[in-house]
């Protein structure tokens, strides 16, 4: 996503050019915060099942509900939505419809 841009002026020619990050720079201290804000704006347009609880903390998302099938369907819908928005989800971090998940360094169980 082209959310972040900066302008640079060549000191020799005085010519100004604008550049846009297509990804957040690694090591930039504000990257997690900026991404979290951008994700929050994107999620505001997501139409979720009203019975679903969707929690966001920076770049961590948690979908909760009693029925596993409801969570599975909503998870697929959310993954498809995020892909359409140009975001990629880490398959290695995905905990898809499990009875016990690690969220924000805490284990959550049914």
Protein backbone atom coordinates (compact mmCIF):
# COMPACT_ATOMS: atom_id res chain seq x y z
CA UNK A 1 0.00 0.00 0.00
CA UNK A 2 1.24 3.49 -0.79
CA UNK A 3 0.51 5.05 2.60
CA UNK A 4 3.87 6.62 3.36
CA UNK A 5 5.85 9.12 1.32
CA UNK A 6 8.75 11.51 1.67
CA UNK A 7 10.30 14.24 -0.43
CA UNK A 8 13.99 14.54 -1.24
CA UNK A 9 15.82 17.50 -2.72
CA UNK A 10 19.03 16.94 -4.67
CA UNK A 11 21.58 19.33 -3.10
CA UNK A 12 23.42 19.76 -6.41
CA UNK A 13 20.48 20.54 -8.70
CA UNK A 14 17.82 21.67 -6.22
CA UNK A 15 15.41 19.28 -7.94
CA UNK A 16 12.76 17.82 -5.64
CA UNK A 17 11.32 14.37 -5.97
CA UNK A 18 8.73 12.50 -3.99
CA UNK A 19 9.19 8.85 -3.09
CA UNK A 20 6.70 6.44 -1.60
CA UNK A 21 7.42 3.43 0.51
CA UNK A 22 5.58 0.36 -0.74
CA UNK A 23 6.53 -1.41 2.48
CA UNK A 24 7.41 0.00 5.87
CA UNK A 25 11.15 0.24 6.47
CA UNK A 26 12.60 -2.37 8.85
CA UNK A 27 14.04 -0.83 11.98
CA UNK A 28 12.05 2.41 11.76
CA UNK A 29 10.75 2.84 15.30
CA UNK A 30 7.32 4.07 14.21
CA UNK A 31 6.70 1.27 11.67
CA UNK A 32 4.55 -0.91 13.99
CA UNK A 33 2.47 2.08 15.08
CA UNK A 34 1.98 3.35 11.52
CA UNK A 35 1.02 -0.10 10.27
CA UNK A 36 -1.39 -0.59 13.16
CA UNK A 37 -3.12 2.70 12.33
CA UNK A 38 -3.32 1.82 8.64
CA UNK A 39 -4.71 -1.64 9.44
CA UNK A 40 -7.29 -0.11 11.77
CA UNK A 41 -8.53 2.15 8.96
CA UNK A 42 -8.70 -0.80 6.58
CA UNK A 43 -10.60 -2.94 9.10
CA UNK A 44 -13.19 -0.18 9.56
CA UNK A 45 -14.45 -1.02 6.06
CA UNK A 46 -14.64 -4.76 6.76
CA UNK A 47 -18.19 -6.03 7.20
CA UNK A 48 -17.91 -8.85 9.69
CA UNK A 49 -20.52 -11.22 11.02
CA UNK A 50 -22.16 -9.35 13.96
CA UNK A 51 -21.69 -12.43 16.18
CA UNK A 52 -17.92 -12.40 15.69
CA UNK A 53 -15.47 -10.72 18.04
CA UNK A 54 -12.53 -9.25 16.11
CA UNK A 55 -9.69 -7.82 18.19
CA UNK A 56 -6.73 -5.91 16.78
CA UNK A 57 -3.53 -5.00 18.56
CA UNK A 58 -1.02 -3.39 16.15
CA UNK A 59 -0.62 -6.18 13.57
CA UNK A 60 -2.12 -9.03 15.60
CA UNK A 61 -5.72 -10.02 14.93
CA UNK A 62 -7.90 -12.38 16.93
CA UNK A 63 -11.26 -13.74 15.79
CA UNK A 64 -13.40 -15.34 18.49
CA UNK A 65 -16.77 -17.03 18.73
CA UNK A 66 -18.15 -20.19 20.32
CA UNK A 67 -18.93 -22.02 17.08
CA UNK A 68 -15.83 -23.25 15.26
CA UNK A 69 -17.58 -23.19 11.87
CA UNK A 70 -18.50 -19.51 12.32
CA UNK A 71 -14.89 -18.66 13.20
CA UNK A 72 -13.58 -20.69 10.24
CA UNK A 73 -15.90 -18.93 7.76
CA UNK A 74 -15.12 -15.49 9.18
CA UNK A 75 -11.39 -16.22 9.11
CA UNK A 76 -11.56 -17.11 5.43
CA UNK A 77 -13.63 -13.98 4.70
CA UNK A 78 -11.14 -11.80 6.59
CA UNK A 79 -8.12 -13.36 4.84
CA UNK A 80 -9.73 -12.76 1.45
CA UNK A 81 -10.59 -9.18 2.43
CA UNK A 82 -7.03 -8.44 3.58
CA UNK A 83 -5.66 -9.88 0.35
CA UNK A 84 -7.96 -7.63 -1.71
CA UNK A 85 -6.61 -4.68 0.29
CA UNK A 86 -3.07 -5.61 -0.76
CA UNK A 87 -2.00 -7.04 2.59
CA UNK A 88 -0.19 -10.33 3.10
CA UNK A 89 -0.74 -12.59 6.08
CA UNK A 90 2.09 -14.70 7.44
CA UNK A 91 1.14 -18.37 7.07
CA UNK A 92 3.71 -19.32 9.71
CA UNK A 93 1.98 -17.09 12.29
CA UNK A 94 -1.56 -18.09 11.35
CA UNK A 95 -3.33 -20.09 14.08
CA UNK A 96 -6.39 -21.22 12.17
CA UNK A 97 -9.39 -22.32 14.29
CA UNK A 98 -7.50 -23.89 17.17
CA UNK A 99 -8.83 -24.44 20.67
CA UNK A 100 -5.66 -22.93 22.13
CA UNK A 101 -3.91 -19.92 20.57
CA UNK A 102 -1.07 -17.62 21.54
CA UNK A 103 -2.13 -13.97 21.37
CA UNK A 104 0.09 -11.15 22.63
CA UNK A 105 2.37 -13.67 24.36
CA UNK A 106 -0.54 -15.18 26.32
CA UNK A 107 -2.13 -18.57 25.77
CA UNK A 108 -5.90 -18.37 25.30
CA UNK A 109 -7.99 -21.51 25.61
CA UNK A 110 -11.59 -22.31 25.05
